[in-house]
Protein backbone atom coordinates (compact mmCIF):
# COMPACT_ATOMS: atom_id res chain seq x y z
CA MET A 1 0.00 0.00 0.00
CA ARG A 2 1.27 3.41 -0.97
CA ARG A 3 0.75 6.37 1.33
CA PHE A 4 0.56 9.97 0.26
CA ALA A 5 1.33 12.96 2.40
CA PRO A 6 -1.42 15.61 2.44
CA ALA A 7 -0.67 18.84 0.61
CA ALA A 8 0.28 21.79 2.78
CA SER A 9 -2.49 23.89 1.26
CA ALA A 10 -4.71 23.89 -1.78
CA GLU A 11 -7.29 26.25 -3.18
CA VAL A 12 -10.59 24.67 -4.18
CA VAL A 13 -13.06 26.63 -6.27
CA ALA A 14 -16.62 25.39 -6.79
CA GLY A 15 -18.28 26.45 -10.00
CA PHE A 16 -21.75 26.92 -8.55
CA LEU A 17 -23.69 29.89 -9.80
CA PRO A 18 -26.73 31.14 -7.86
CA LEU A 19 -29.93 31.41 -9.93
CA ASP A 20 -30.02 35.19 -9.58
CA ALA A 21 -26.46 35.44 -10.97
CA TRP A 22 -27.31 33.82 -14.34
CA HIS A 23 -27.87 36.53 -16.98
CA ALA A 24 -26.86 34.84 -20.25
CA ARG A 25 -29.49 34.47 -22.97
CA PHE A 26 -29.98 31.36 -25.07
CA ILE A 27 -29.10 32.19 -28.67
CA GLY A 28 -28.98 30.30 -31.96
CA SER A 29 -29.84 30.55 -35.63
CA GLY A 30 -33.39 29.24 -35.27
CA SER A 31 -32.66 26.22 -37.49
CA GLU A 32 -31.51 22.67 -36.82
CA ALA A 33 -28.47 23.14 -39.05
CA PRO A 34 -25.09 23.26 -37.27
CA HIS A 35 -23.87 26.81 -36.81
CA LEU A 36 -21.21 29.01 -35.26
CA ILE A 37 -21.90 31.74 -32.73
CA ARG A 38 -19.41 34.48 -31.93
CA GLY A 39 -19.10 37.47 -29.65
CA THR A 40 -16.22 39.73 -28.67
CA PHE A 41 -15.32 41.52 -25.47
CA ASP A 42 -12.53 43.78 -24.23
CA VAL A 43 -10.35 43.15 -21.20
CA HIS A 44 -9.16 46.27 -19.36
CA GLY A 45 -6.63 45.28 -16.72
CA THR A 46 -5.10 42.15 -15.24
CA VAL A 47 -7.50 39.23 -14.86
CA ARG A 48 -7.03 37.23 -11.66
CA ARG A 49 -9.61 34.57 -12.56
CA ALA A 50 -11.97 33.92 -15.48
CA LEU A 51 -14.75 31.37 -15.03
CA LEU A 52 -16.90 30.33 -17.99
CA HIS A 53 -20.36 28.90 -17.35
CA SER A 54 -22.05 27.47 -20.45
CA THR A 55 -24.82 25.16 -21.59
CA ALA A 56 -26.98 24.38 -24.59
CA PHE A 57 -30.10 22.77 -25.92
CA GLY A 58 -27.96 20.64 -28.24
CA ALA A 59 -24.28 19.73 -28.31
CA TYR A 60 -21.63 22.44 -28.34
CA ASP A 61 -17.94 23.22 -28.28
CA ILE A 62 -16.74 26.54 -26.91
CA ARG A 63 -13.49 28.37 -27.64
CA ILE A 64 -11.86 31.53 -26.36
CA ASN A 65 -9.47 33.23 -28.75
CA ASP A 66 -9.56 30.05 -30.88
CA VAL A 67 -8.41 27.85 -27.97
CA PRO A 68 -10.79 25.16 -26.61
CA ALA A 69 -12.20 26.16 -23.21
CA ASP A 70 -11.72 22.59 -21.97
CA ASP A 71 -11.26 19.04 -23.22
CA SER A 72 -14.90 17.93 -23.04
CA GLU A 73 -16.78 16.54 -26.03
CA LEU A 74 -20.51 16.63 -26.82
CA LYS A 75 -21.22 19.09 -24.03
CA PRO A 76 -23.43 19.37 -22.03
CA GLY A 77 -23.95 15.62 -22.37
CA TRP A 78 -27.25 13.82 -22.47
CA THR A 79 -29.89 15.28 -20.22
CA SER A 80 -33.67 15.31 -19.90
CA CYS A 81 -34.19 18.83 -21.26
CA GLN A 82 -37.82 18.93 -20.15
CA TRP A 83 -36.58 18.84 -16.53
CA ARG A 84 -33.14 20.46 -16.51
CA VAL A 85 -30.15 21.59 -18.54
CA ASN A 86 -26.64 20.82 -17.30
CA LEU A 87 -24.38 23.81 -16.71
CA ASP A 88 -20.67 23.36 -17.50
CA VAL A 89 -17.98 25.46 -15.84
CA ALA A 90 -14.35 25.92 -16.85
CA ASP A 91 -11.50 28.05 -15.54
CA VAL A 92 -10.37 29.88 -18.69
CA THR A 93 -8.01 32.40 -17.08
CA ALA A 94 -5.08 31.19 -19.20
CA HIS A 95 -7.04 31.92 -22.43
CA ILE A 96 -7.82 35.57 -21.64
CA ARG A 97 -5.53 38.29 -22.98
CA PRO A 98 -5.46 42.09 -22.62
CA GLY A 99 -7.54 43.98 -25.18
CA ARG A 100 -10.03 42.41 -27.60
CA ASN A 101 -11.00 38.75 -27.01
CA ALA A 102 -13.41 36.45 -28.85
CA LEU A 103 -15.71 33.74 -27.53
CA GLY A 104 -16.97 31.26 -30.12
CA ILE A 105 -19.47 28.43 -29.88
CA THR A 106 -19.93 25.63 -32.41
CA LEU A 107 -23.49 24.38 -31.94
CA THR A 108 -25.36 21.38 -33.33
CA GLY A 109 -28.50 19.54 -32.31
CA GLY A 110 -26.91 16.55 -30.60
CA TRP A 111 -29.38 14.65 -28.45
CA TYR A 112 -31.73 17.64 -28.47
CA THR A 113 -32.70 17.31 -32.15
CA GLU A 114 -31.87 13.63 -32.69
CA ARG A 115 -34.60 11.45 -34.12
CA PHE A 116 -34.94 8.32 -32.03
CA GLY A 117 -36.46 5.11 -33.33
CA PHE A 118 -36.24 3.14 -36.53
CA ARG A 119 -36.99 4.13 -40.12
CA ASP A 120 -40.36 5.86 -40.49
CA ALA A 121 -41.05 5.60 -36.76
CA ALA A 122 -38.06 7.80 -35.80
CA CYS A 123 -39.09 11.04 -34.14
CA ARG A 124 -37.74 13.86 -32.02
CA VAL A 125 -38.27 13.94 -28.28
CA TYR A 126 -37.74 17.71 -27.79
CA GLU A 127 -39.15 20.62 -29.77
CA GLY A 128 -37.28 23.69 -30.93
CA ALA A 129 -33.98 24.59 -32.53
CA PRO A 130 -30.59 24.24 -30.81
CA ALA A 131 -29.52 27.20 -28.69
CA ALA A 132 -26.54 27.91 -26.45
CA ALA A 133 -25.86 30.22 -23.52
CA ALA A 134 -22.57 31.30 -21.97
CA GLN A 135 -21.57 33.59 -19.14
CA LEU A 136 -17.95 34.55 -18.55
CA THR A 137 -17.06 36.12 -15.20
CA LEU A 138 -13.83 38.11 -15.17
CA ASP A 139 -12.37 38.82 -11.73
CA TYR A 140 -9.74 41.56 -12.02
CA GLU A 141 -6.72 42.04 -9.74
CA ASP A 142 -8.13 45.40 -8.56
CA GLY A 143 -11.25 43.66 -7.21
CA THR A 144 -13.67 44.63 -9.97
CA VAL A 145 -15.81 41.98 -11.63
CA GLU A 146 -17.07 42.04 -15.21
CA THR A 147 -19.58 39.63 -16.75
CA VAL A 148 -19.76 38.80 -20.46
CA ILE A 149 -22.97 37.10 -21.57
CA THR A 150 -24.44 35.69 -24.75
CA HIS A 151 -27.24 37.86 -26.13
CA GLU A 152 -29.16 38.63 -29.31
CA ARG A 153 -26.46 40.92 -30.76
CA TRP A 154 -23.94 38.09 -31.07
CA HIS A 155 -23.25 36.94 -34.63
CA TRP A 156 -23.92 33.52 -36.11
CA ALA A 157 -22.96 31.76 -39.34
CA ARG A 158 -23.45 28.32 -40.84
CA ALA A 159 -20.91 25.75 -39.66
CA PRO A 160 -18.58 23.93 -42.08
CA VAL A 161 -20.94 20.94 -41.93
CA VAL A 162 -24.43 20.80 -43.41
CA SER A 163 -25.77 18.29 -40.91
CA ALA A 164 -24.49 16.51 -37.83
CA SER A 165 -26.19 13.60 -36.11
CA LEU A 166 -25.13 11.27 -33.35
CA TYR A 167 -26.56 8.32 -35.28
CA GLN A 168 -26.46 9.37 -38.95
CA GLY A 169 -23.03 11.02 -38.84
CA ARG A 170 -22.14 14.36 -40.37
CA SER A 171 -22.19 15.84 -43.86
CA PRO A 172 -19.54 18.46 -44.73
CA GLN A 173 -20.29 21.49 -46.87
CA PRO A 174 -19.42 21.21 -50.55
CA ALA A 175 -15.79 22.11 -51.31
CA THR A 176 -16.88 25.31 -53.07
CA ARG A 177 -17.48 27.04 -49.72
CA ARG A 178 -14.65 28.04 -47.46
CA PRO A 179 -15.02 26.57 -43.95
CA ARG A 180 -15.68 29.02 -41.16
CA ARG A 181 -14.80 28.81 -37.52
CA ALA A 182 -16.48 30.15 -34.45
CA CYS A 183 -13.55 32.09 -33.08
């Protein structure tokens, strides 16, 4: 049996967000087609900590300044959307830089728009188009706090795939169109 000595000290940060602290809006293109969502924000000062809370009705990948926010795939994972939506949290302090920054989301239907069943009997369980929401909290060294949220003024564009399905696979855009990226 191997024994480990306890660490002298460690900082533990829980990613809980009280209900009254959530201000992000769910946004999307309004269609089932995969798409990219992008917003920019400016950083004025030295950031001590940056926590990103995000979720979606669908599957998403989120990037800050073209760097993945974390190593998760198919976020937020399967969930019963009629009862709850899982909220992901990531410490993205290392991805934030002084000046202009970009937050990009690649969004597809995932489990939310998947048709379950066989052949003509396959049907969707949930109604509506995919949508994502993100809230980035920037804690500055001087004690000020700034919150960046998704909202209706963010931009969206079609993703470099025409369709994406957990069971039917994905279909890329024809080669005549240049692929886009979220960030």
